[in-house]
PDB file of all heavy atoms in Angstrom:
ATOM      1  N   SER A   1      38.991 101.746 156.458  1.00  0.00           N
ATOM      2  CA  SER A   1      39.412 102.636 157.452  1.00  0.00           C
ATOM      3  C   SER A   1      39.377 104.076 156.928  1.00  0.00           C
ATOM      4  O   SER A   1      38.994 105.055 157.569  1.00  0.00           O
ATOM      5  CB  SER A   1      40.779 102.319 158.059  1.00  0.00           C
ATOM      6  OG  SER A   1      41.161 103.157 159.047  1.00  0.00           O
ATOM      7  N   ALA A   2      40.035 104.272 155.706  1.00  0.00           N
ATOM      8  CA  ALA A   2      40.142 105.546 155.122  1.00  0.00           C
ATOM      9  C   ALA A   2      38.872 106.022 154.682  1.00  0.00           C
ATOM     10  O   ALA A   2      38.447 107.202 154.986  1.00  0.00           O
ATOM     11  CB  ALA A   2      40.987 105.367 153.859  1.00  0.00           C
ATOM     12  N   TYR A   3      37.786 105.188 154.256  1.00  0.00           N
ATOM     13  CA  TYR A   3      36.485 105.712 153.903  1.00  0.00           C
ATOM     14  C   TYR A   3      35.811 106.178 155.276  1.00  0.00           C
ATOM     15  O   TYR A   3      35.052 107.084 155.321  1.00  0.00           O
ATOM     16  CB  TYR A   3      35.792 104.608 153.301  1.00  0.00           C
ATOM     17  CG  TYR A   3      35.787 104.475 151.763  1.00  0.00           C
ATOM     18  CD1 TYR A   3      36.207 103.201 151.170  1.00  0.00           C
ATOM     19  CD2 TYR A   3      35.591 105.570 150.989  1.00  0.00           C
ATOM     20  CE1 TYR A   3      36.502 103.208 149.790  1.00  0.00           C
ATOM     21  CE2 TYR A   3      35.839 105.549 149.581  1.00  0.00           C
ATOM     22  CZ  TYR A   3      36.216 104.333 149.010  1.00  0.00           C
ATOM     23  OH  TYR A   3      36.468 104.199 147.639  1.00  0.00           O
ATOM     24  N   SER A   4      35.871 105.267 156.322  1.00  0.00           N
ATOM     25  CA  SER A   4      35.350 105.672 157.592  1.00  0.00           C
ATOM     26  C   SER A   4      35.840 107.050 158.019  1.00  0.00           C
ATOM     27  O   SER A   4      35.080 107.933 158.574  1.00  0.00           O
ATOM     28  CB  SER A   4      35.619 104.668 158.604  1.00  0.00           C
ATOM     29  OG  SER A   4      35.111 103.380 158.314  1.00  0.00           O
ATOM     30  N   ASN A   5      37.138 107.308 157.910  1.00  0.00           N
ATOM     31  CA  ASN A   5      37.690 108.560 158.360  1.00  0.00           C
ATOM     32  C   ASN A   5      37.205 109.756 157.521  1.00  0.00           C
ATOM     33  O   ASN A   5      36.959 110.950 158.052  1.00  0.00           O
ATOM     34  CB  ASN A   5      39.272 108.541 158.318  1.00  0.00           C
ATOM     35  CG  ASN A   5      39.860 107.676 159.423  1.00  0.00           C
ATOM     36  OD1 ASN A   5      39.144 107.521 160.479  1.00  0.00           O
ATOM     37  ND2 ASN A   5      40.987 107.165 159.196  1.00  0.00           N
ATOM     38  N   TYR A   6      37.049 109.462 156.338  1.00  0.00           N
ATOM     39  CA  TYR A   6      36.536 110.411 155.351  1.00  0.00           C
ATOM     40  C   TYR A   6      35.154 110.899 155.724  1.00  0.00           C
ATOM     41  O   TYR A   6      34.837 112.043 155.804  1.00  0.00           O
ATOM     42  CB  TYR A   6      36.581 109.848 153.864  1.00  0.00           C
ATOM     43  CG  TYR A   6      35.840 110.736 152.895  1.00  0.00           C
ATOM     44  CD1 TYR A   6      36.412 112.083 152.497  1.00  0.00           C
ATOM     45  CD2 TYR A   6      34.660 110.497 152.413  1.00  0.00           C
ATOM     46  CE1 TYR A   6      35.949 112.921 151.680  1.00  0.00           C
ATOM     47  CE2 TYR A   6      33.965 111.328 151.387  1.00  0.00           C
ATOM     48  CZ  TYR A   6      34.697 112.597 150.989  1.00  0.00           C
ATOM     49  OH  TYR A   6      34.107 113.297 150.121  1.00  0.00           O
ATOM     50  N   ILE A   7      34.269 109.887 155.967  1.00  0.00           N
ATOM     51  CA  ILE A   7      32.856 110.172 156.383  1.00  0.00           C
ATOM     52  C   ILE A   7      32.818 110.945 157.782  1.00  0.00           C
ATOM     53  O   ILE A   7      32.133 111.867 157.924  1.00  0.00           O
ATOM     54  CB  ILE A   7      32.031 108.801 156.457  1.00  0.00           C
ATOM     55  CG1 ILE A   7      31.967 108.317 155.073  1.00  0.00           C
ATOM     56  CG2 ILE A   7      30.677 109.058 157.136  1.00  0.00           C
ATOM     57  CD1 ILE A   7      31.330 106.807 155.034  1.00  0.00           C
ATOM     58  N   HIS A   8      33.768 110.472 158.599  1.00  0.00           N
ATOM     59  CA  HIS A   8      33.838 111.210 159.916  1.00  0.00           C
ATOM     60  C   HIS A   8      34.223 112.594 159.875  1.00  0.00           C
ATOM     61  O   HIS A   8      33.620 113.552 160.424  1.00  0.00           O
ATOM     62  CB  HIS A   8      34.836 110.396 160.762  1.00  0.00           C
ATOM     63  CG  HIS A   8      35.123 111.076 162.180  1.00  0.00           C
ATOM     64  ND1 HIS A   8      34.234 111.007 163.195  1.00  0.00           N
ATOM     65  CD2 HIS A   8      36.145 111.939 162.550  1.00  0.00           C
ATOM     66  CE1 HIS A   8      34.591 111.625 164.246  1.00  0.00           C
ATOM     67  NE2 HIS A   8      35.822 112.281 163.920  1.00  0.00           N
ATOM     68  N   GLU A   9      35.245 112.874 158.911  1.00  0.00           N
ATOM     69  CA  GLU A   9      35.492 114.340 158.625  1.00  0.00           C
ATOM     70  C   GLU A   9      34.413 115.140 158.027  1.00  0.00           C
ATOM     71  O   GLU A   9      34.211 116.266 158.444  1.00  0.00           O
ATOM     72  CB  GLU A   9      36.829 114.334 157.720  1.00  0.00           C
ATOM     73  CG  GLU A   9      38.037 113.954 158.433  1.00  0.00           C
ATOM     74  CD  GLU A   9      39.249 114.375 157.609  1.00  0.00           C
ATOM     75  OE1 GLU A   9      39.073 115.034 156.585  1.00  0.00           O
ATOM     76  OE2 GLU A   9      40.459 114.115 158.093  1.00  0.00           O
ATOM     77  N   VAL A  10      33.617 114.454 157.226  1.00  0.00           N
ATOM     78  CA  VAL A  10      32.544 115.265 156.532  1.00  0.00           C
ATOM     79  C   VAL A  10      31.458 115.593 157.578  1.00  0.00           C
ATOM     80  O   VAL A  10      30.938 116.588 157.746  1.00  0.00           O
ATOM     81  CB  VAL A  10      31.923 114.255 155.462  1.00  0.00           C
ATOM     82  CG1 VAL A  10      30.597 114.930 154.929  1.00  0.00           C
ATOM     83  CG2 VAL A  10      32.912 114.175 154.241  1.00  0.00           C
ATOM     84  N   ASP A  11      31.211 114.526 158.451  1.00  0.00           N
ATOM     85  CA  ASP A  11      30.187 114.749 159.565  1.00  0.00           C
ATOM     86  C   ASP A  11      30.719 115.720 160.669  1.00  0.00           C
ATOM     87  O   ASP A  11      29.867 116.622 161.081  1.00  0.00           O
ATOM     88  CB  ASP A  11      29.939 113.390 160.235  1.00  0.00           C
ATOM     89  CG  ASP A  11      29.106 112.461 159.282  1.00  0.00           C
ATOM     90  OD1 ASP A  11      28.546 113.076 158.233  1.00  0.00           O
ATOM     91  OD2 ASP A  11      29.166 111.220 159.562  1.00  0.00           O
ATOM     92  N   GLU A  12      32.013 115.652 161.011  1.00  0.00           N
ATOM     93  CA  GLU A  12      32.482 116.401 162.138  1.00  0.00           C
ATOM     94  C   GLU A  12      32.967 117.794 161.723  1.00  0.00           C
ATOM     95  O   GLU A  12      32.606 118.834 162.489  1.00  0.00           O
ATOM     96  CB  GLU A  12      33.715 115.615 162.880  1.00  0.00           C
ATOM     97  CG  GLU A  12      33.240 114.277 163.436  1.00  0.00           C
ATOM     98  CD  GLU A  12      32.237 114.588 164.671  1.00  0.00           C
ATOM     99  OE1 GLU A  12      32.407 115.472 165.386  1.00  0.00           O
ATOM    100  OE2 GLU A  12      31.291 113.721 164.827  1.00  0.00           O
ATOM    101  N   THR A  13      33.777 117.906 160.647  1.00  0.00           N
ATOM    102  CA  THR A  13      34.262 119.136 160.364  1.00  0.00           C
ATOM    103  C   THR A  13      33.545 119.912 159.164  1.00  0.00           C
ATOM    104  O   THR A  13      33.845 121.005 158.861  1.00  0.00           O
ATOM    105  CB  THR A  13      35.783 118.942 159.865  1.00  0.00           C
ATOM    106  OG1 THR A  13      35.826 118.115 158.682  1.00  0.00           O
ATOM    107  CG2 THR A  13      36.553 118.359 161.066  1.00  0.00           C
ATOM    108  N   GLY A  14      32.616 119.073 158.582  1.00  0.00           N
ATOM    109  CA  GLY A  14      31.834 119.822 157.362  1.00  0.00           C
ATOM    110  C   GLY A  14      32.790 120.200 156.284  1.00  0.00           C
ATOM    111  O   GLY A  14      32.829 121.463 156.044  1.00  0.00           O
ATOM    112  N   ILE A  15      33.356 119.264 155.543  1.00  0.00           N
ATOM    113  CA  ILE A  15      34.251 119.677 154.387  1.00  0.00           C
ATOM    114  C   ILE A  15      33.267 120.427 153.379  1.00  0.00           C
ATOM    115  O   ILE A  15      32.193 120.086 153.075  1.00  0.00           O
ATOM    116  CB  ILE A  15      34.760 118.388 153.713  1.00  0.00           C
ATOM    117  CG1 ILE A  15      35.670 117.665 154.560  1.00  0.00           C
ATOM    118  CG2 ILE A  15      35.391 118.703 152.314  1.00  0.00           C
ATOM    119  CD1 ILE A  15      36.114 116.364 154.059  1.00  0.00           C
ATOM    120  N   GLN A  16      33.781 121.542 153.083  1.00  0.00           N
ATOM    121  CA  GLN A  16      33.028 122.380 152.030  1.00  0.00           C
ATOM    122  C   GLN A  16      32.918 121.793 150.672  1.00  0.00           C
ATOM    123  O   GLN A  16      33.924 121.173 150.201  1.00  0.00           O
ATOM    124  CB  GLN A  16      33.655 123.774 151.919  1.00  0.00           C
ATOM    125  CG  GLN A  16      33.786 124.581 153.318  1.00  0.00           C
ATOM    126  CD  GLN A  16      32.383 124.927 153.759  1.00  0.00           C
ATOM    127  OE1 GLN A  16      31.489 125.231 153.051  1.00  0.00           O
ATOM    128  NE2 GLN A  16      32.191 124.659 155.174  1.00  0.00           N
ATOM    129  N   ASN A  17      31.749 121.900 150.047  1.00  0.00           N
ATOM    130  CA  ASN A  17      31.585 121.543 148.677  1.00  0.00           C
ATOM    131  C   ASN A  17      31.935 120.000 148.518  1.00  0.00           C
ATOM    132  O   ASN A  17      32.688 119.540 147.628  1.00  0.00           O
ATOM    133  CB  ASN A  17      32.515 122.325 147.674  1.00  0.00           C
ATOM    134  CG  ASN A  17      32.226 123.785 147.810  1.00  0.00           C
ATOM    135  OD1 ASN A  17      31.114 124.141 147.855  1.00  0.00           O
ATOM    136  ND2 ASN A  17      33.292 124.544 147.764  1.00  0.00           N
ATOM    137  N   VAL A  18      31.451 119.187 149.472  1.00  0.00           N
ATOM    138  CA  VAL A  18      31.703 117.788 149.461  1.00  0.00           C
ATOM    139  C   VAL A  18      31.071 117.122 148.234  1.00  0.00           C
ATOM    140  O   VAL A  18      29.878 117.526 147.830  1.00  0.00           O
ATOM    141  CB  VAL A  18      31.107 117.101 150.654  1.00  0.00           C
ATOM    142  CG1 VAL A  18      29.690 117.255 150.798  1.00  0.00           C
ATOM    143  CG2 VAL A  18      31.494 115.681 150.791  1.00  0.00           C
ATOM    144  N   ASP A  19      31.737 116.277 147.643  1.00  0.00           N
ATOM    145  CA  ASP A  19      31.347 115.522 146.462  1.00  0.00           C
ATOM    146  C   ASP A  19      30.244 114.436 146.797  1.00  0.00           C
ATOM    147  O   ASP A  19      30.620 113.494 147.400  1.00  0.00           O
ATOM    148  CB  ASP A  19      32.402 114.986 145.625  1.00  0.00           C
ATOM    149  CG  ASP A  19      32.141 114.489 144.286  1.00  0.00           C
ATOM    150  OD1 ASP A  19      30.923 114.100 144.112  1.00  0.00           O
ATOM    151  OD2 ASP A  19      33.005 114.471 143.392  1.00  0.00           O
ATOM    152  N   ARG A  20      29.018 114.578 146.538  1.00  0.00           N
ATOM    153  CA  ARG A  20      27.926 113.624 146.816  1.00  0.00           C
ATOM    154  C   ARG A  20      28.296 112.272 146.227  1.00  0.00           C
ATOM    155  O   ARG A  20      28.121 111.212 146.894  1.00  0.00           O
ATOM    156  CB  ARG A  20      26.581 114.109 146.312  1.00  0.00           C
ATOM    157  CG  ARG A  20      26.051 115.190 147.195  1.00  0.00           C
ATOM    158  CD  ARG A  20      24.832 115.715 146.576  1.00  0.00           C
ATOM    159  NE  ARG A  20      23.715 114.713 146.442  1.00  0.00           N
ATOM    160  CZ  ARG A  20      22.894 114.321 147.492  1.00  0.00           C
ATOM    161  NH1 ARG A  20      23.007 114.939 148.656  1.00  0.00           N
ATOM    162  NH2 ARG A  20      21.979 113.378 147.325  1.00  0.00           N
ATOM    163  N   ASP A  21      28.844 112.235 145.020  1.00  0.00           N
ATOM    164  CA  ASP A  21      29.101 110.908 144.362  1.00  0.00           C
ATOM    165  C   ASP A  21      30.187 110.130 145.308  1.00  0.00           C
ATOM    166  O   ASP A  21      30.098 108.915 145.320  1.00  0.00           O
ATOM    167  CB  ASP A  21      29.720 111.076 143.038  1.00  0.00           C
ATOM    168  CG  ASP A  21      28.598 111.702 142.060  1.00  0.00           C
ATOM    169  OD1 ASP A  21      27.437 111.439 142.380  1.00  0.00           O
ATOM    170  OD2 ASP A  21      28.981 112.170 140.969  1.00  0.00           O
ATOM    171  N   GLU A  22      31.214 110.904 145.649  1.00  0.00           N
ATOM    172  CA  GLU A  22      32.337 110.220 146.538  1.00  0.00           C
ATOM    173  C   GLU A  22      31.713 109.737 147.835  1.00  0.00           C
ATOM    174  O   GLU A  22      32.106 108.660 148.365  1.00  0.00           O
ATOM    175  CB  GLU A  22      33.434 111.232 146.703  1.00  0.00           C
ATOM    176  CG  GLU A  22      34.107 111.843 145.509  1.00  0.00           C
ATOM    177  CD  GLU A  22      34.985 110.775 144.726  1.00  0.00           C
ATOM    178  OE1 GLU A  22      34.809 109.525 145.186  1.00  0.00           O
ATOM    179  OE2 GLU A  22      35.645 111.153 143.910  1.00  0.00           O
ATOM    180  N   LEU A  23      30.793 110.617 148.452  1.00  0.00           N
ATOM    181  CA  LEU A  23      30.299 110.297 149.744  1.00  0.00           C
ATOM    182  C   LEU A  23      29.335 108.917 149.673  1.00  0.00           C
ATOM    183  O   LEU A  23      29.544 108.092 150.508  1.00  0.00           O
ATOM    184  CB  LEU A  23      29.537 111.419 150.310  1.00  0.00           C
ATOM    185  CG  LEU A  23      29.090 111.389 151.709  1.00  0.00           C
ATOM    186  CD1 LEU A  23      30.282 111.324 152.592  1.00  0.00           C
ATOM    187  CD2 LEU A  23      28.355 112.568 152.167  1.00  0.00           C
ATOM    188  N   CYS A  24      28.592 108.968 148.607  1.00  0.00           N
ATOM    189  CA  CYS A  24      27.710 107.754 148.550  1.00  0.00           C
ATOM    190  C   CYS A  24      28.535 106.483 148.188  1.00  0.00           C
ATOM    191  O   CYS A  24      28.136 105.473 148.564  1.00  0.00           O
ATOM    192  CB  CYS A  24      26.500 108.013 147.529  1.00  0.00           C
ATOM    193  SG  CYS A  24      27.029 108.203 145.832  1.00  0.00           S
ATOM    194  N   HIS A  25      29.557 106.687 147.356  1.00  0.00           N
ATOM    195  CA  HIS A  25      30.470 105.627 147.004  1.00  0.00           C
ATOM    196  C   HIS A  25      31.076 105.046 148.352  1.00  0.00           C
ATOM    197  O   HIS A  25      31.239 103.813 148.497  1.00  0.00           O
ATOM    198  CB  HIS A  25      31.410 106.038 146.014  1.00  0.00           C
ATOM    199  CG  HIS A  25      32.431 104.985 145.683  1.00  0.00           C
ATOM    200  ND1 HIS A  25      32.221 103.977 144.817  1.00  0.00           N
ATOM    201  CD2 HIS A  25      33.697 104.849 146.115  1.00  0.00           C
ATOM    202  CE1 HIS A  25      33.249 103.081 144.637  1.00  0.00           C
ATOM    203  NE2 HIS A  25      34.183 103.626 145.404  1.00  0.00           N
ATOM    204  N   ALA A  26      31.450 105.989 149.262  1.00  0.00           N
ATOM    205  CA  ALA A  26      32.113 105.516 150.562  1.00  0.00           C
ATOM    206  C   ALA A  26      31.157 104.754 151.407  1.00  0.00           C
ATOM    207  O   ALA A  26      31.478 103.607 151.932  1.00  0.00           O
ATOM    208  CB  ALA A  26      32.515 106.826 151.200  1.00  0.00           C
ATOM    209  N   TYR A  27      29.819 105.217 151.404  1.00  0.00           N
ATOM    210  CA  TYR A  27      28.879 104.357 152.274  1.00  0.00           C
ATOM    211  C   TYR A  27      28.676 102.953 151.558  1.00  0.00           C
ATOM    212  O   TYR A  27      28.530 101.942 152.263  1.00  0.00           O
ATOM    213  CB  TYR A  27      27.475 105.157 152.182  1.00  0.00           C
ATOM    214  CG  TYR A  27      27.545 106.284 153.269  1.00  0.00           C
ATOM    215  CD1 TYR A  27      27.232 107.581 152.738  1.00  0.00           C
ATOM    216  CD2 TYR A  27      27.702 106.087 154.586  1.00  0.00           C
ATOM    217  CE1 TYR A  27      27.191 108.670 153.607  1.00  0.00           C
ATOM    218  CE2 TYR A  27      27.867 107.122 155.454  1.00  0.00           C
ATOM    219  CZ  TYR A  27      27.409 108.405 154.974  1.00  0.00           C
ATOM    220  OH  TYR A  27      27.528 109.514 155.842  1.00  0.00           O
ATOM    221  N   LYS A  28      28.555 102.943 150.100  1.00  0.00           N
ATOM    222  CA  LYS A  28      28.446 101.658 149.532  1.00  0.00           C
ATOM    223  C   LYS A  28      29.532 100.676 149.756  1.00  0.00           C
ATOM    224  O   LYS A  28      29.358  99.590 149.989  1.00  0.00           O
ATOM    225  CB  LYS A  28      28.203 101.947 147.971  1.00  0.00           C
ATOM    226  CG  LYS A  28      27.884 100.622 147.251  1.00  0.00           C
ATOM    227  CD  LYS A  28      27.811 100.926 145.808  1.00  0.00           C
ATOM    228  CE  LYS A  28      29.078 101.117 145.082  1.00  0.00           C
ATOM    229  NZ  LYS A  28      29.002 101.160 143.731  1.00  0.00           N
TER     230      LYS A  28
END
């Protein structure tokens, strides 16, 4: 649930300087 919310915030609000390593880890 936390990973899904994180991805949603990145997609919807566009977190600045998002860490690509963290994002791909969330998808995995």
